[in-house]
């Protein structure tokens, strides 16, 4: 059996890569991918803690599936917003979105 620390290490790396990408990227799609990395790291944590703390129960797995569904819905809405921004400004740079305030 793989130790829990290995899974937590992967999850922590994914979380901090997502936070770094969210802070440092200028492109809205890259920011969306970074948010997805953060959400996936949380879902890994749900599954792993459920597996090691309560191996007979499936609550962590259900939370992970619910998180994946919410993540998919969030991605669909965010991509729709990004497409609308692109149609309006012909650019998806984060620093140029303030032009929509007119």
Protein backbone atom coordinates (compact mmCIF):
# COMPACT_ATOMS: atom_id res chain seq x y z
CA UNK A 1 0.00 0.00 0.00
CA UNK A 2 1.29 3.46 -0.88
CA UNK A 3 1.83 5.68 2.19
CA UNK A 4 -0.51 8.62 2.68
CA UNK A 5 2.42 11.07 2.68
CA UNK A 6 3.07 10.42 -1.01
CA UNK A 7 -0.47 11.35 -1.95
CA UNK A 8 -0.37 14.43 0.26
CA UNK A 9 2.92 15.48 -1.31
CA UNK A 10 1.43 15.29 -4.79
CA UNK A 11 -1.67 17.14 -3.62
CA UNK A 12 0.39 19.86 -1.96
CA UNK A 13 2.53 20.33 -5.06
CA UNK A 14 -0.59 20.59 -7.22
CA UNK A 15 -2.12 23.12 -4.83
CA UNK A 16 0.91 25.40 -4.75
CA UNK A 17 1.47 25.14 -8.51
CA UNK A 18 -2.17 26.20 -8.93
CA UNK A 19 -1.77 29.12 -6.52
CA UNK A 20 1.42 30.24 -8.26
CA UNK A 21 -0.27 30.01 -11.66
CA UNK A 22 -3.30 31.92 -10.41
CA UNK A 23 -1.13 34.74 -9.08
CA UNK A 24 1.41 34.95 -11.91
CA UNK A 25 -0.56 34.33 -15.11
CA UNK A 26 -2.03 37.07 -17.28
CA UNK A 27 -4.15 34.89 -19.54
CA UNK A 28 -7.65 34.09 -18.29
CA UNK A 29 -7.51 30.51 -19.58
CA UNK A 30 -4.26 29.88 -17.69
CA UNK A 31 -5.89 31.29 -14.56
CA UNK A 32 -8.84 28.93 -15.06
CA UNK A 33 -6.48 25.96 -15.42
CA UNK A 34 -4.74 27.02 -12.21
CA UNK A 35 -8.06 27.10 -10.37
CA UNK A 36 -8.78 23.61 -11.69
CA UNK A 37 -5.44 22.41 -10.30
CA UNK A 38 -6.35 23.79 -6.89
CA UNK A 39 -9.75 22.09 -6.96
CA UNK A 40 -8.23 18.77 -8.07
CA UNK A 41 -5.74 18.86 -5.22
CA UNK A 42 -8.61 19.29 -2.77
CA UNK A 43 -10.44 16.35 -4.32
CA UNK A 44 -7.34 14.18 -3.92
CA UNK A 45 -7.28 15.13 -0.24
CA UNK A 46 -10.94 14.17 0.18
CA UNK A 47 -10.33 10.76 -1.35
CA UNK A 48 -7.11 10.03 0.52
CA UNK A 49 -8.35 11.04 3.95
CA UNK A 50 -11.48 9.00 3.40
CA UNK A 51 -9.44 5.97 2.32
CA UNK A 52 -7.09 6.07 5.28
CA UNK A 53 -9.40 7.26 8.07
CA UNK A 54 -12.65 5.52 7.14
CA UNK A 55 -11.91 2.72 4.65
CA UNK A 56 -15.41 1.23 4.93
CA UNK A 57 -17.26 4.48 4.13
CA UNK A 58 -17.52 6.37 0.86
CA UNK A 59 -18.20 9.95 1.97
CA UNK A 60 -14.87 11.27 0.71
CA UNK A 61 -15.45 9.70 -2.68
CA UNK A 62 -18.90 11.25 -2.90
CA UNK A 63 -17.47 14.65 -1.96
CA UNK A 64 -14.86 14.19 -4.68
CA UNK A 65 -17.51 13.36 -7.28
CA UNK A 66 -19.57 16.34 -6.16
CA UNK A 67 -16.44 18.53 -6.41
CA UNK A 68 -15.75 17.26 -9.92
CA UNK A 69 -19.31 18.11 -10.96
CA UNK A 70 -19.06 21.60 -9.46
CA UNK A 71 -15.67 22.05 -11.11
CA UNK A 72 -17.09 21.10 -14.51
CA UNK A 73 -19.99 23.53 -14.12
CA UNK A 74 -17.62 26.28 -13.00
CA UNK A 75 -15.39 25.66 -16.01
CA UNK A 76 -18.32 25.83 -18.42
CA UNK A 77 -19.51 29.15 -16.98
CA UNK A 78 -15.99 30.57 -16.86
CA UNK A 79 -15.29 29.63 -20.47
CA UNK A 80 -18.57 31.26 -21.52
CA UNK A 81 -17.54 34.44 -19.69
CA UNK A 82 -14.07 34.33 -21.26
CA UNK A 83 -15.59 33.93 -24.75
CA UNK A 84 -17.85 36.92 -24.08
CA UNK A 85 -14.87 38.99 -22.90
CA UNK A 86 -12.91 37.99 -25.99
CA UNK A 87 -15.77 39.00 -28.28
CA UNK A 88 -15.95 42.38 -26.58
CA UNK A 89 -12.27 43.27 -26.23
CA UNK A 90 -10.51 40.88 -28.68
CA UNK A 91 -8.13 40.06 -25.82
CA UNK A 92 -8.18 37.78 -22.77
CA UNK A 93 -5.41 39.49 -20.83
CA UNK A 94 -6.33 39.94 -17.18
CA UNK A 95 -4.89 43.45 -17.03
CA UNK A 96 -7.05 44.70 -19.88
CA UNK A 97 -10.43 43.58 -18.56
CA UNK A 98 -11.01 46.94 -16.87
CA UNK A 99 -11.86 48.32 -20.34
CA UNK A 100 -15.28 46.65 -20.01
CA UNK A 101 -16.34 49.12 -17.32
CA UNK A 102 -17.57 51.67 -19.92
